[in-house]
Amino acid sequence: DVPAGSLKYFWGGAILLGGFGLIEVNSTQMTFSFIEHSERTLYQTTLNPRS
């Protein structure tokens, strides 16, 4: 089961031109971004290293 609030889904509609996912990783964190065609960030989350 998927925990409540943890599933992120976006339906762009018929006229949206698309977008892409971006993953940035460095020694302290990993950031996931979902960006639409106009360069606007739709969703972003950051994960820290496991301890």
Protein backbone atom coordinates (compact mmCIF):
# COMPACT_ATOMS: atom_id res chain seq x y z
CA ASP A 1 0.00 0.00 0.00
CA VAL A 2 1.09 3.57 -0.71
CA PRO A 3 1.02 5.75 2.44
CA ALA A 4 -1.46 8.65 2.30
CA GLY A 5 0.14 11.85 0.96
CA SER A 6 3.19 10.11 -0.52
CA LEU A 7 1.95 9.57 -4.09
CA LYS A 8 2.37 12.59 -6.38
CA TYR A 9 0.60 12.51 -9.75
CA PHE A 10 0.03 15.30 -12.25
CA TRP A 11 -2.22 15.14 -15.29
CA GLY A 12 -1.26 17.97 -17.65
CA GLY A 13 -4.33 18.06 -19.88
CA ALA A 14 -4.69 17.95 -23.65
CA ILE A 15 -2.83 21.15 -24.62
CA LEU A 16 0.21 20.97 -22.34
CA LEU A 17 3.51 20.71 -24.25
CA GLY A 18 5.25 18.34 -21.85
CA GLY A 19 8.10 18.61 -19.40
CA PHE A 20 10.84 16.60 -17.76
CA GLY A 21 12.24 15.25 -14.52
CA LEU A 22 15.48 16.54 -13.02
CA ILE A 23 17.59 14.76 -10.39
CA GLU A 24 20.43 16.66 -8.71
CA VAL A 25 22.83 14.75 -6.44
CA ASN A 26 25.69 15.97 -4.26
CA SER A 27 27.44 14.70 -1.13
CA THR A 28 24.74 15.98 1.24
CA GLN A 29 21.38 15.50 -0.55
CA MET A 30 19.44 14.38 -3.63
CA THR A 31 16.75 16.62 -5.14
CA PHE A 32 13.98 15.44 -7.49
CA SER A 33 12.16 18.07 -9.57
CA PHE A 34 9.32 17.79 -12.08
CA ILE A 35 9.42 20.74 -14.48
CA GLU A 36 6.87 21.73 -17.14
CA HIS A 37 7.64 23.07 -20.63
CA SER A 38 7.68 26.71 -19.45
CA GLU A 39 10.44 25.88 -16.90
CA ARG A 40 8.03 26.15 -13.95
CA THR A 41 8.70 23.58 -11.22
CA LEU A 42 5.53 21.58 -10.56
CA TYR A 43 6.89 19.47 -7.70
CA GLN A 44 10.18 19.19 -5.85
CA THR A 45 11.40 17.09 -2.95
CA THR A 46 14.78 16.56 -1.31
CA LEU A 47 16.17 13.38 0.24
CA ASN A 48 19.03 13.27 2.72
CA PRO A 49 21.47 10.36 2.98
CA ARG A 50 20.44 7.31 4.98
CA SER A 51 22.04 7.13 8.40
